[in-house]
Amino acid sequence: MTSTCAHTLALAALLSIGGFNAAVAQAQAPDEVRPLIVPGGPSPRVAASYPADGASAPAGVIVLKITFDQPMTADAWAYGKADAGAFPQCLAHPRLLNDNRSFVLLCTVAPGQAYAIAINSDPRFANTTGRSAKPYVLHFTTTQPETRDMPAALAQAGLTAADEPVMEWNDTGKGVSQTPPPPPL
């Protein structure tokens, strides 16, 4: 018996033990749909926001919160104006919170206004493996009652004082914002 023939018989005997023949046949079915494996995993996407897409928020001081579905890097971000609305007045840099998924940005918004913010239209938000997030546009409107202080703005976004979007100049944390607090309103 040739070596190739012996190997083929040995393999056939091995595969027939315990029903492996059926399992191999199923795994090789021509109509089977196999998941696509993407190097670095799937692109991050926006999982939640404050304000929620299409929602209303009080005018005045607002803490914009964007939460992704996977851990992100603090030094890669991109917010921009979208065609469908105004862009709020915001600090220059967001802060990545300790959950490593949520960015917060201190902004002010006018009453009775429609806003549209392009998240990652110029791809920069990236996960910890460097994969860029999918672009997203956040739409929201504002109401007449105004929020004038940081504690109220944090509470509206479901945040605490520890999640404040303004970093101290000497902060050595993970946030990227080294901007001093804005003057009181």
N, C-alpha and C. Protein backbone atom coordinates (compact mmCIF):
# COMPACT_ATOMS: atom_id res chain seq x y z
N MET A 1 0.85 -1.18 0.00
CA MET A 1 0.00 0.00 0.00
C MET A 1 0.89 1.23 0.00
N THR A 2 0.55 2.19 -0.83
CA THR A 2 1.37 3.39 -0.90
C THR A 2 1.11 4.27 0.31
N SER A 3 2.02 5.16 0.56
CA SER A 3 1.92 6.06 1.71
C SER A 3 0.68 6.94 1.59
N THR A 4 0.37 7.46 0.39
CA THR A 4 -0.80 8.32 0.18
C THR A 4 -2.08 7.56 0.45
N CYS A 5 -2.15 6.32 -0.03
CA CYS A 5 -3.33 5.49 0.19
C CYS A 5 -3.51 5.20 1.67
N ALA A 6 -2.44 4.92 2.38
CA ALA A 6 -2.50 4.65 3.82
C ALA A 6 -2.99 5.87 4.57
N HIS A 7 -2.53 7.05 4.18
CA HIS A 7 -2.97 8.28 4.83
C HIS A 7 -4.44 8.54 4.59
N THR A 8 -4.90 8.29 3.38
CA THR A 8 -6.31 8.48 3.04
C THR A 8 -7.20 7.55 3.84
N LEU A 9 -6.82 6.28 3.97
CA LEU A 9 -7.59 5.31 4.76
C LEU A 9 -7.59 5.68 6.22
N ALA A 10 -6.45 6.11 6.73
CA ALA A 10 -6.36 6.51 8.14
C ALA A 10 -7.25 7.72 8.40
N LEU A 11 -7.24 8.70 7.49
CA LEU A 11 -8.07 9.89 7.63
C LEU A 11 -9.55 9.54 7.56
N ALA A 12 -9.93 8.66 6.65
CA ALA A 12 -11.34 8.24 6.52
C ALA A 12 -11.79 7.53 7.78
N ALA A 13 -10.95 6.68 8.34
CA ALA A 13 -11.29 5.97 9.58
C ALA A 13 -11.44 6.94 10.73
N LEU A 14 -10.55 7.93 10.80
CA LEU A 14 -10.60 8.93 11.86
C LEU A 14 -11.88 9.76 11.76
N LEU A 15 -12.23 10.19 10.56
CA LEU A 15 -13.41 11.03 10.38
C LEU A 15 -14.71 10.30 10.62
N SER A 16 -14.73 8.99 10.44
CA SER A 16 -15.97 8.26 10.65
C SER A 16 -16.24 7.99 12.12
N ILE A 17 -15.28 8.17 12.98
CA ILE A 17 -15.45 7.95 14.42
C ILE A 17 -16.31 9.08 14.98
N GLY A 18 -17.32 8.74 15.72
CA GLY A 18 -18.15 9.71 16.43
C GLY A 18 -18.92 10.66 15.54
N GLY A 19 -19.21 10.31 14.32
CA GLY A 19 -20.05 11.15 13.47
C GLY A 19 -19.32 12.34 12.87
N PHE A 20 -18.00 12.34 12.83
CA PHE A 20 -17.27 13.45 12.26
C PHE A 20 -17.53 13.61 10.76
N ASN A 21 -17.88 12.52 10.07
CA ASN A 21 -18.17 12.64 8.64
C ASN A 21 -19.29 13.63 8.38
N ALA A 22 -20.36 13.55 9.15
CA ALA A 22 -21.51 14.44 8.98
C ALA A 22 -21.12 15.87 9.30
N ALA A 23 -20.34 16.06 10.37
CA ALA A 23 -19.92 17.40 10.77
C ALA A 23 -19.06 18.05 9.70
N VAL A 24 -18.14 17.27 9.13
CA VAL A 24 -17.28 17.80 8.08
C VAL A 24 -18.11 18.12 6.85
N ALA A 25 -19.05 17.28 6.50
CA ALA A 25 -19.90 17.51 5.33
C ALA A 25 -20.73 18.77 5.54
N GLN A 26 -21.27 18.99 6.77
CA GLN A 26 -22.05 20.18 7.04
C GLN A 26 -21.19 21.44 6.96
N ALA A 27 -19.99 21.38 7.51
CA ALA A 27 -19.11 22.54 7.51
C ALA A 27 -18.69 22.92 6.10
N GLN A 28 -18.73 21.97 5.17
CA GLN A 28 -18.30 22.25 3.81
C GLN A 28 -19.47 22.40 2.85
N ALA A 29 -20.68 22.54 3.39
CA ALA A 29 -21.85 22.70 2.52
C ALA A 29 -21.67 23.94 1.65
N PRO A 30 -21.97 23.84 0.34
CA PRO A 30 -21.73 24.97 -0.57
C PRO A 30 -22.62 26.17 -0.29
N ASP A 31 -23.81 25.98 0.33
CA ASP A 31 -24.70 27.10 0.57
C ASP A 31 -24.55 27.70 1.96
N GLU A 32 -23.55 27.25 2.68
CA GLU A 32 -23.35 27.74 4.04
C GLU A 32 -22.84 29.18 4.00
N VAL A 33 -23.41 30.03 4.86
CA VAL A 33 -22.97 31.40 4.98
C VAL A 33 -22.06 31.49 6.20
N ARG A 34 -20.84 31.86 5.97
CA ARG A 34 -19.88 31.97 7.06
C ARG A 34 -19.72 33.45 7.42
N PRO A 35 -19.51 33.76 8.71
CA PRO A 35 -19.34 35.16 9.09
C PRO A 35 -18.04 35.71 8.51
N LEU A 36 -18.10 36.98 8.14
CA LEU A 36 -16.92 37.64 7.62
C LEU A 36 -16.04 38.03 8.80
N ILE A 37 -14.80 37.67 8.75
CA ILE A 37 -13.86 38.02 9.81
C ILE A 37 -13.10 39.25 9.36
N VAL A 38 -13.25 40.34 10.13
CA VAL A 38 -12.63 41.60 9.78
C VAL A 38 -11.41 41.80 10.67
N PRO A 39 -10.24 42.04 10.09
CA PRO A 39 -9.05 42.30 10.91
C PRO A 39 -9.29 43.50 11.81
N GLY A 40 -8.98 43.38 13.09
CA GLY A 40 -9.21 44.46 14.04
C GLY A 40 -10.63 44.52 14.55
N GLY A 41 -11.49 43.61 14.13
CA GLY A 41 -12.88 43.57 14.59
C GLY A 41 -13.75 44.54 13.82
N PRO A 42 -15.04 44.56 14.14
CA PRO A 42 -15.97 45.45 13.44
C PRO A 42 -15.70 46.91 13.79
N SER A 43 -16.09 47.81 12.92
CA SER A 43 -15.94 49.24 13.18
C SER A 43 -16.81 49.64 14.36
N PRO A 44 -16.31 50.53 15.22
CA PRO A 44 -17.14 51.03 16.31
C PRO A 44 -18.32 51.81 15.73
N ARG A 45 -19.41 51.84 16.47
CA ARG A 45 -20.57 52.63 16.05
C ARG A 45 -21.15 53.34 17.27
N VAL A 46 -21.86 54.41 17.04
CA VAL A 46 -22.50 55.14 18.13
C VAL A 46 -23.63 54.26 18.67
N ALA A 47 -23.58 53.97 19.97
CA ALA A 47 -24.58 53.13 20.60
C ALA A 47 -25.65 53.96 21.32
N ALA A 48 -25.29 55.15 21.78
CA ALA A 48 -26.22 56.02 22.51
C ALA A 48 -25.67 57.44 22.48
N SER A 49 -26.55 58.39 22.76
CA SER A 49 -26.11 59.78 22.84
C SER A 49 -27.02 60.56 23.76
N TYR A 50 -26.51 61.69 24.23
CA TYR A 50 -27.35 62.69 24.88
C TYR A 50 -27.01 64.01 24.23
N PRO A 51 -28.03 64.67 23.73
CA PRO A 51 -29.41 64.23 23.58
C PRO A 51 -29.49 63.03 22.63
N ALA A 52 -30.54 62.26 22.80
CA ALA A 52 -30.77 61.13 21.89
C ALA A 52 -31.08 61.68 20.50
N ASP A 53 -30.77 60.91 19.48
CA ASP A 53 -31.03 61.33 18.11
C ASP A 53 -32.52 61.61 17.94
N GLY A 54 -32.86 62.79 17.46
CA GLY A 54 -34.25 63.18 17.23
C GLY A 54 -34.96 63.74 18.45
N ALA A 55 -34.30 63.79 19.60
CA ALA A 55 -34.92 64.25 20.84
C ALA A 55 -34.76 65.77 21.00
N SER A 56 -35.36 66.28 22.08
CA SER A 56 -35.22 67.68 22.45
C SER A 56 -34.44 67.78 23.74
N ALA A 57 -33.75 68.89 23.92
CA ALA A 57 -32.99 69.15 25.14
C ALA A 57 -33.17 70.61 25.51
N PRO A 58 -33.04 70.94 26.79
CA PRO A 58 -33.14 72.35 27.17
C PRO A 58 -32.01 73.17 26.56
N ALA A 59 -32.31 74.41 26.22
CA ALA A 59 -31.30 75.32 25.70
C ALA A 59 -30.35 75.71 26.83
N GLY A 60 -29.25 76.35 26.46
CA GLY A 60 -28.28 76.82 27.44
C GLY A 60 -27.07 75.91 27.48
N VAL A 61 -26.61 75.62 28.68
CA VAL A 61 -25.45 74.75 28.87
C VAL A 61 -25.89 73.30 28.66
N ILE A 62 -25.13 72.57 27.86
CA ILE A 62 -25.46 71.17 27.60
C ILE A 62 -24.15 70.37 27.57
N VAL A 63 -24.24 69.15 28.08
CA VAL A 63 -23.10 68.24 27.99
C VAL A 63 -23.48 67.21 26.93
N LEU A 64 -22.88 67.36 25.76
CA LEU A 64 -23.09 66.42 24.66
C LEU A 64 -22.36 65.13 25.02
N LYS A 65 -23.06 64.00 24.95
CA LYS A 65 -22.47 62.72 25.31
C LYS A 65 -22.66 61.74 24.15
N ILE A 66 -21.56 61.18 23.68
CA ILE A 66 -21.58 60.19 22.60
C ILE A 66 -20.96 58.91 23.15
N THR A 67 -21.73 57.81 23.14
CA THR A 67 -21.24 56.53 23.65
C THR A 67 -21.13 55.54 22.51
N PHE A 68 -19.96 54.93 22.39
CA PHE A 68 -19.70 53.94 21.35
C PHE A 68 -19.91 52.53 21.89
N ASP A 69 -20.01 51.57 21.00
CA ASP A 69 -20.28 50.18 21.39
C ASP A 69 -19.02 49.39 21.75
N GLN A 70 -17.86 50.04 21.77
CA GLN A 70 -16.62 49.37 22.14
C GLN A 70 -15.63 50.39 22.68
N PRO A 71 -14.60 49.95 23.39
CA PRO A 71 -13.61 50.88 23.95
C PRO A 71 -12.93 51.70 22.85
N MET A 72 -12.73 52.98 23.15
CA MET A 72 -12.18 53.93 22.19
C MET A 72 -10.88 54.53 22.73
N THR A 73 -10.13 55.21 21.85
CA THR A 73 -8.93 55.91 22.27
C THR A 73 -9.28 57.37 22.53
N ALA A 74 -8.61 57.95 23.51
CA ALA A 74 -8.91 59.32 23.92
C ALA A 74 -8.41 60.37 22.95
N ASP A 75 -7.42 60.04 22.17
CA ASP A 75 -6.80 61.06 21.33
C ASP A 75 -7.28 61.05 19.88
N ALA A 76 -8.35 60.35 19.60
CA ALA A 76 -8.89 60.30 18.23
C ALA A 76 -10.37 60.64 18.28
N TRP A 77 -10.76 61.80 17.73
CA TRP A 77 -12.16 62.22 17.75
C TRP A 77 -12.41 63.21 16.62
N ALA A 78 -13.67 63.35 16.21
CA ALA A 78 -14.05 64.31 15.17
C ALA A 78 -15.53 64.65 15.28
N TYR A 79 -15.82 65.92 15.61
CA TYR A 79 -17.17 66.47 15.60
C TYR A 79 -17.19 67.53 14.50
N GLY A 80 -18.29 67.65 13.79
CA GLY A 80 -18.36 68.69 12.77
C GLY A 80 -19.79 69.08 12.45
N LYS A 81 -19.92 70.13 11.65
CA LYS A 81 -21.24 70.62 11.24
C LYS A 81 -21.82 69.69 10.18
N ALA A 82 -23.09 69.41 10.31
CA ALA A 82 -23.82 68.64 9.31
C ALA A 82 -24.80 69.58 8.61
N ASP A 83 -25.23 69.23 7.41
CA ASP A 83 -26.08 70.11 6.61
C ASP A 83 -27.47 70.35 7.20
N ALA A 84 -27.98 69.44 7.98
CA ALA A 84 -29.37 69.49 8.40
C ALA A 84 -29.65 70.35 9.63
N GLY A 85 -28.68 71.12 10.11
CA GLY A 85 -28.93 71.96 11.29
C GLY A 85 -27.72 72.77 11.70
N ALA A 86 -27.89 73.53 12.76
CA ALA A 86 -26.82 74.37 13.29
C ALA A 86 -25.83 73.51 14.07
N PHE A 87 -24.67 74.09 14.34
CA PHE A 87 -23.66 73.42 15.16
C PHE A 87 -23.54 74.21 16.45
N PRO A 88 -23.59 73.53 17.61
CA PRO A 88 -23.52 74.26 18.89
C PRO A 88 -22.14 74.87 19.12
N GLN A 89 -22.08 75.83 20.03
CA GLN A 89 -20.79 76.38 20.46
C GLN A 89 -20.24 75.43 21.51
N CYS A 90 -19.06 74.88 21.25
CA CYS A 90 -18.49 73.86 22.14
C CYS A 90 -17.03 74.14 22.44
N LEU A 91 -16.54 73.53 23.51
CA LEU A 91 -15.11 73.55 23.77
C LEU A 91 -14.40 72.86 22.61
N ALA A 92 -13.11 73.05 22.52
CA ALA A 92 -12.34 72.51 21.40
C ALA A 92 -12.19 71.00 21.45
N HIS A 93 -12.11 70.40 22.65
CA HIS A 93 -11.80 68.97 22.77
C HIS A 93 -12.78 68.26 23.69
N PRO A 94 -13.19 67.06 23.33
CA PRO A 94 -14.03 66.26 24.23
C PRO A 94 -13.16 65.53 25.25
N ARG A 95 -13.80 64.95 26.23
CA ARG A 95 -13.12 64.13 27.23
C ARG A 95 -13.67 62.71 27.15
N LEU A 96 -12.79 61.72 27.13
CA LEU A 96 -13.20 60.32 27.18
C LEU A 96 -13.38 59.95 28.64
N LEU A 97 -14.56 59.43 28.99
CA LEU A 97 -14.84 59.05 30.38
C LEU A 97 -14.17 57.73 30.73
N ASN A 98 -14.19 57.40 32.01
CA ASN A 98 -13.52 56.19 32.50
C ASN A 98 -14.09 54.89 31.95
N ASP A 99 -15.30 54.92 31.37
CA ASP A 99 -15.84 53.69 30.77
C ASP A 99 -15.15 53.38 29.44
N ASN A 100 -14.31 54.31 28.97
CA ASN A 100 -13.57 54.18 27.71
C ASN A 100 -14.45 54.06 26.47
N ARG A 101 -15.73 54.37 26.60
CA ARG A 101 -16.67 54.29 25.48
C ARG A 101 -17.41 55.62 25.25
N SER A 102 -17.46 56.46 26.27
CA SER A 102 -18.25 57.69 26.21
C SER A 102 -17.38 58.93 26.17
N PHE A 103 -17.66 59.80 25.19
CA PHE A 103 -17.01 61.10 25.10
C PHE A 103 -18.03 62.15 25.53
N VAL A 104 -17.58 63.15 26.29
CA VAL A 104 -18.45 64.26 26.69
C VAL A 104 -17.81 65.56 26.20
N LEU A 105 -18.68 66.49 25.81
CA LEU A 105 -18.23 67.76 25.26
C LEU A 105 -19.15 68.85 25.79
N LEU A 106 -18.58 69.86 26.41
CA LEU A 106 -19.35 70.97 26.96
C LEU A 106 -19.71 71.94 25.84
N CYS A 107 -21.01 72.24 25.72
CA CYS A 107 -21.51 73.12 24.65
C CYS A 107 -22.56 74.07 25.20
N THR A 108 -22.90 75.07 24.41
CA THR A 108 -24.08 75.90 24.67
C THR A 108 -24.94 75.87 23.42
N VAL A 109 -26.24 75.85 23.63
CA VAL A 109 -27.19 75.78 22.52
C VAL A 109 -28.29 76.82 22.73
N ALA A 110 -28.78 77.38 21.64
CA ALA A 110 -29.82 78.41 21.67
C ALA A 110 -31.21 77.77 21.76
N PRO A 111 -32.19 78.47 22.33
CA PRO A 111 -33.54 77.93 22.41
C PRO A 111 -34.22 77.88 21.04
N GLY A 112 -35.09 76.87 20.85
CA GLY A 112 -35.88 76.75 19.63
C GLY A 112 -35.06 76.53 18.38
N GLN A 113 -33.96 75.83 18.48
CA GLN A 113 -33.05 75.64 17.35
C GLN A 113 -32.94 74.15 17.01
N ALA A 114 -32.74 73.85 15.74
CA ALA A 114 -32.46 72.47 15.29
C ALA A 114 -30.95 72.35 15.10
N TYR A 115 -30.37 71.28 15.66
CA TYR A 115 -28.93 71.04 15.57
C TYR A 115 -28.67 69.72 14.85
N ALA A 116 -27.55 69.67 14.16
CA ALA A 116 -27.09 68.45 13.50
C ALA A 116 -25.57 68.41 13.64
N ILE A 117 -25.09 67.35 14.25
CA ILE A 117 -23.66 67.21 14.51
C ILE A 117 -23.15 65.96 13.81
N ALA A 118 -22.17 66.15 12.94
CA ALA A 118 -21.55 65.01 12.24
C ALA A 118 -20.50 64.40 13.17
N ILE A 119 -20.72 63.16 13.51
CA ILE A 119 -19.77 62.42 14.35
C ILE A 119 -18.94 61.56 13.41
N ASN A 120 -17.66 61.85 13.36
CA ASN A 120 -16.70 61.08 12.57
C ASN A 120 -16.88 61.22 11.06
N SER A 121 -17.34 62.38 10.60
CA SER A 121 -17.42 62.57 9.15
C SER A 121 -16.01 62.66 8.55
N ASP A 122 -15.08 63.15 9.34
CA ASP A 122 -13.66 63.13 9.00
C ASP A 122 -13.07 62.08 9.94
N PRO A 123 -13.02 60.82 9.52
CA PRO A 123 -12.75 59.72 10.46
C PRO A 123 -11.55 59.94 11.37
N ARG A 124 -11.88 60.05 12.64
CA ARG A 124 -10.85 60.16 13.67
C ARG A 124 -11.22 59.36 14.90
N PHE A 125 -12.53 59.32 15.27
CA PHE A 125 -12.89 58.48 16.41
C PHE A 125 -12.42 57.07 16.07
N ALA A 126 -11.68 56.44 16.97
CA ALA A 126 -11.15 55.11 16.68
C ALA A 126 -11.16 54.27 17.94
N ASN A 127 -11.31 52.95 17.75
CA ASN A 127 -11.27 52.04 18.90
C ASN A 127 -9.82 51.79 19.31
N THR A 128 -9.64 50.97 20.33
CA THR A 128 -8.30 50.74 20.87
C THR A 128 -7.39 49.97 19.92
N THR A 129 -7.94 49.37 18.86
CA THR A 129 -7.10 48.71 17.86
C THR A 129 -6.84 49.63 16.66
N GLY A 130 -7.36 50.87 16.71
CA GLY A 130 -7.13 51.83 15.64
C GLY A 130 -8.17 51.83 14.55
N ARG A 131 -9.22 51.00 14.70
CA ARG A 131 -10.27 50.92 13.67
C ARG A 131 -11.18 52.14 13.81
N SER A 132 -11.41 52.85 12.71
CA SER A 132 -12.21 54.07 12.70
C SER A 132 -13.70 53.76 12.88
N ALA A 133 -14.37 54.65 13.61
CA ALA A 133 -15.81 54.50 13.84
C ALA A 133 -16.60 54.84 12.59
N LYS A 134 -17.79 54.25 12.50
CA LYS A 134 -18.70 54.56 11.39
C LYS A 134 -19.22 55.98 11.56
N PRO A 135 -19.29 56.77 10.48
CA PRO A 135 -19.86 58.12 10.57
C PRO A 135 -21.31 58.08 11.04
N TYR A 136 -21.71 59.13 11.73
CA TYR A 136 -23.04 59.20 12.33
C TYR A 136 -23.43 60.68 12.40
N VAL A 137 -24.69 61.00 12.18
CA VAL A 137 -25.17 62.37 12.34
C VAL A 137 -26.20 62.38 13.46
N LEU A 138 -25.95 63.21 14.47
CA LEU A 138 -26.85 63.38 15.61
C LEU A 138 -27.71 64.61 15.36
N HIS A 139 -29.04 64.41 15.40
CA HIS A 139 -30.00 65.51 15.22
C HIS A 139 -30.74 65.71 16.53
N PHE A 140 -30.89 66.95 16.97
CA PHE A 140 -31.73 67.25 18.14
C PHE A 140 -32.20 68.69 18.05
N THR A 141 -33.22 69.00 18.81
CA THR A 141 -33.75 70.37 18.88
C THR A 141 -33.66 70.83 20.32
N THR A 142 -33.85 72.14 20.50
CA THR A 142 -33.82 72.69 21.86
C THR A 142 -35.15 73.33 22.20
N THR A 143 -35.42 73.37 23.49
CA THR A 143 -36.66 73.94 24.01
C THR A 143 -36.36 75.29 24.65
N GLN A 144 -37.39 75.98 25.09
CA GLN A 144 -37.25 77.30 25.70
C GLN A 144 -36.59 77.29 27.08
N PRO A 145 -37.01 76.40 28.00
CA PRO A 145 -36.35 76.47 29.32
C PRO A 145 -34.85 76.26 29.17
N GLU A 146 -34.09 77.11 29.85
CA GLU A 146 -32.64 77.04 29.71
C GLU A 146 -31.96 76.48 30.94
N THR A 147 -30.90 75.74 30.70
CA THR A 147 -30.04 75.23 31.77
C THR A 147 -28.86 76.19 31.86
N ARG A 148 -28.58 76.66 33.05
CA ARG A 148 -27.52 77.66 33.21
C ARG A 148 -26.32 77.15 34.00
N ASP A 149 -26.36 75.95 34.58
CA ASP A 149 -25.21 75.53 35.37
C ASP A 149 -24.77 74.10 35.05
N MET A 150 -23.52 73.83 35.37
CA MET A 150 -22.91 72.54 35.05
C MET A 150 -23.59 71.38 35.77
N PRO A 151 -23.91 71.46 37.08
CA PRO A 151 -24.56 70.32 37.73
C PRO A 151 -25.87 69.90 37.06
N ALA A 152 -26.68 70.85 36.64
CA ALA A 152 -27.94 70.53 35.97
C ALA A 152 -27.68 69.90 34.60
N ALA A 153 -26.70 70.43 33.87
CA ALA A 153 -26.37 69.89 32.54
C ALA A 153 -25.85 68.46 32.67
N LEU A 154 -25.03 68.19 33.68
CA LEU A 154 -24.53 66.83 33.91
C LEU A 154 -25.68 65.88 34.24
N ALA A 155 -26.58 66.32 35.11
CA ALA A 155 -27.72 65.47 35.51
C ALA A 155 -28.60 65.14 34.30
N GLN A 156 -28.84 66.12 33.42
CA GLN A 156 -29.67 65.88 32.24
C GLN A 156 -29.06 64.81 31.33
N ALA A 157 -27.73 64.75 31.29
CA ALA A 157 -27.04 63.77 30.44
C ALA A 157 -26.82 62.45 31.16
N GLY A 158 -27.33 62.33 32.41
CA GLY A 158 -27.16 61.10 33.17
C GLY A 158 -25.75 60.94 33.71
N LEU A 159 -25.07 62.05 33.96
CA LEU A 159 -23.68 62.03 34.42
C LEU A 159 -23.57 62.55 35.84
N THR A 160 -22.40 62.37 36.43
CA THR A 160 -22.12 62.89 37.77
C THR A 160 -20.98 63.89 37.68
N ALA A 161 -20.64 64.52 38.81
CA ALA A 161 -19.55 65.50 38.84
C ALA A 161 -18.23 64.88 38.38
N ALA A 162 -18.04 63.60 38.60
CA ALA A 162 -16.81 62.92 38.17
C ALA A 162 -16.70 62.86 36.65
N ASP A 163 -17.82 63.05 35.94
CA ASP A 163 -17.85 62.98 34.48
C ASP A 163 -17.76 64.35 33.82
N GLU A 164 -17.42 65.37 34.60
CA GLU A 164 -17.36 66.72 34.07
C GLU A 164 -16.51 66.78 32.80
N PRO A 165 -17.00 67.44 31.76
CA PRO A 165 -16.30 67.44 30.48
C PRO A 165 -15.08 68.36 30.42
N VAL A 166 -14.86 69.14 31.46
CA VAL A 166 -13.73 70.06 31.47
C VAL A 166 -12.62 69.47 32.31
N MET A 167 -11.45 69.31 31.71
CA MET A 167 -10.30 68.78 32.42
C MET A 167 -9.53 69.92 33.07
N GLU A 168 -8.88 69.64 34.17
CA GLU A 168 -8.00 70.62 34.81
C GLU A 168 -6.70 70.70 34.01
N TRP A 169 -6.03 71.83 34.05
CA TRP A 169 -4.78 71.97 33.30
C TRP A 169 -3.74 70.95 33.72
N ASN A 170 -3.72 70.61 34.99
CA ASN A 170 -2.71 69.67 35.48
C ASN A 170 -3.23 68.24 35.54
N ASP A 171 -4.36 67.97 34.95
CA ASP A 171 -4.94 66.63 34.98
C ASP A 171 -4.07 65.67 34.17
N THR A 172 -3.79 64.52 34.75
CA THR A 172 -2.99 63.51 34.04
C THR A 172 -3.85 62.32 33.66
N GLY A 173 -5.16 62.52 33.67
CA GLY A 173 -6.08 61.42 33.34
C GLY A 173 -6.09 61.09 31.86
N LYS A 174 -7.08 60.32 31.46
CA LYS A 174 -7.17 59.84 30.08
C LYS A 174 -7.80 60.85 29.13
N GLY A 175 -8.39 61.92 29.66
CA GLY A 175 -9.07 62.87 28.80
C GLY A 175 -8.12 63.61 27.89
N VAL A 176 -8.63 64.15 26.82
CA VAL A 176 -7.80 64.88 25.88
C VAL A 176 -7.97 66.39 26.05
N SER A 177 -9.01 66.81 26.74
CA SER A 177 -9.26 68.23 26.86
C SER A 177 -8.41 68.84 27.96
N GLN A 178 -7.59 69.75 27.60
CA GLN A 178 -6.80 70.48 28.57
C GLN A 178 -7.22 71.95 28.54
N THR A 179 -8.45 72.19 28.15
CA THR A 179 -8.99 73.53 28.02
C THR A 179 -9.47 74.02 29.38
N PRO A 180 -9.13 75.25 29.76
CA PRO A 180 -9.62 75.77 31.03
C PRO A 180 -11.13 75.95 30.97
N PRO A 181 -11.81 75.95 32.11
CA PRO A 181 -13.27 76.12 32.11
C PRO A 181 -13.65 77.45 31.46
N PRO A 182 -14.82 77.48 30.80
CA PRO A 182 -15.27 78.75 30.21
C PRO A 182 -15.69 79.72 31.32
N PRO A 183 -15.73 81.01 31.01
CA PRO A 183 -16.17 81.98 32.03
C PRO A 183 -17.63 81.71 32.37
N PRO A 184 -18.05 82.02 33.59
CA PRO A 184 -19.45 81.81 33.99
C PRO A 184 -20.39 82.58 33.06
N LEU A 185 -21.58 82.01 32.86
CA LEU A 185 -22.58 82.68 32.01
C LEU A 185 -23.24 83.81 32.73
